[in-house]
Amino acid sequence: MVPIHTYTLPDDVTSSLVVSYGSKCAPRHLGSDSNGDLYVAATGPACTVLIMIRV
């Protein structure tokens, strides 16, 4: 599966997780749409976040 990089998550992504790679990198929102495509975004709606992971 090749992730699709976007600035913000599309509207059809209903749930996402946020991954933070330390203090120097901005967090990334990961979610999949109704077709099963994986999206990696810089921003996303807070209501879709299920969990936040700090690495």
Protein backbone atom coordinates (compact mmCIF):
# COMPACT_ATOMS: atom_id res chain seq x y z
CA MET A 1 0.00 0.00 0.00
CA VAL A 2 1.42 3.35 -1.05
CA PRO A 3 0.32 6.24 1.19
CA ILE A 4 -1.17 9.36 -0.35
CA HIS A 5 0.41 12.49 1.13
CA THR A 6 -1.90 15.50 1.48
CA TYR A 7 -2.03 18.66 3.55
CA THR A 8 -5.37 17.79 5.14
CA LEU A 9 -7.41 14.60 5.39
CA PRO A 10 -10.27 14.20 2.90
CA ASP A 11 -13.88 14.43 4.10
CA ASP A 12 -14.54 10.70 3.70
CA VAL A 13 -11.90 9.73 6.32
CA THR A 14 -14.01 9.03 9.41
CA SER A 15 -11.26 8.07 11.87
CA SER A 16 -7.54 8.71 12.13
CA LEU A 17 -4.57 8.39 14.40
CA VAL A 18 -1.89 10.97 15.06
CA VAL A 19 1.78 9.97 15.13
CA SER A 20 4.36 12.33 16.61
CA TYR A 21 8.03 11.61 15.87
CA GLY A 22 9.66 13.56 18.69
CA SER A 23 9.69 17.28 19.40
CA LYS A 24 11.39 18.42 16.18
CA CYS A 25 8.93 16.89 13.70
CA ALA A 26 5.31 17.92 13.24
CA PRO A 27 2.69 15.25 14.00
CA ARG A 28 1.12 13.37 11.09
CA HIS A 29 -2.49 12.25 10.77
CA LEU A 30 -2.98 8.75 9.35
CA GLY A 31 -6.33 7.56 8.11
CA SER A 32 -8.01 5.55 5.39
CA ASP A 33 -10.99 6.48 3.26
CA SER A 34 -13.98 4.39 2.19
CA ASN A 35 -11.93 2.86 -0.67
CA GLY A 36 -9.20 1.70 1.72
CA ASP A 37 -6.62 4.24 0.52
CA LEU A 38 -4.12 5.27 3.22
CA TYR A 39 -3.71 9.02 3.69
CA VAL A 40 -0.86 10.79 5.49
CA ALA A 41 -1.72 14.41 6.25
CA ALA A 42 -0.24 17.35 8.11
CA THR A 43 -3.62 18.35 9.54
CA GLY A 44 -6.97 16.75 10.16
CA PRO A 45 -10.19 17.36 12.07
CA ALA A 46 -9.87 16.71 15.79
CA CYS A 47 -13.18 14.83 15.87
CA THR A 48 -11.69 11.99 13.76
CA VAL A 49 -8.68 11.31 16.03
CA LEU A 50 -8.95 7.98 17.88
CA ILE A 51 -5.47 7.82 19.42
CA MET A 52 -2.22 9.77 19.53
CA ILE A 53 1.11 7.93 19.44
CA ARG A 54 4.41 9.54 20.42
CA VAL A 55 7.52 7.81 19.10
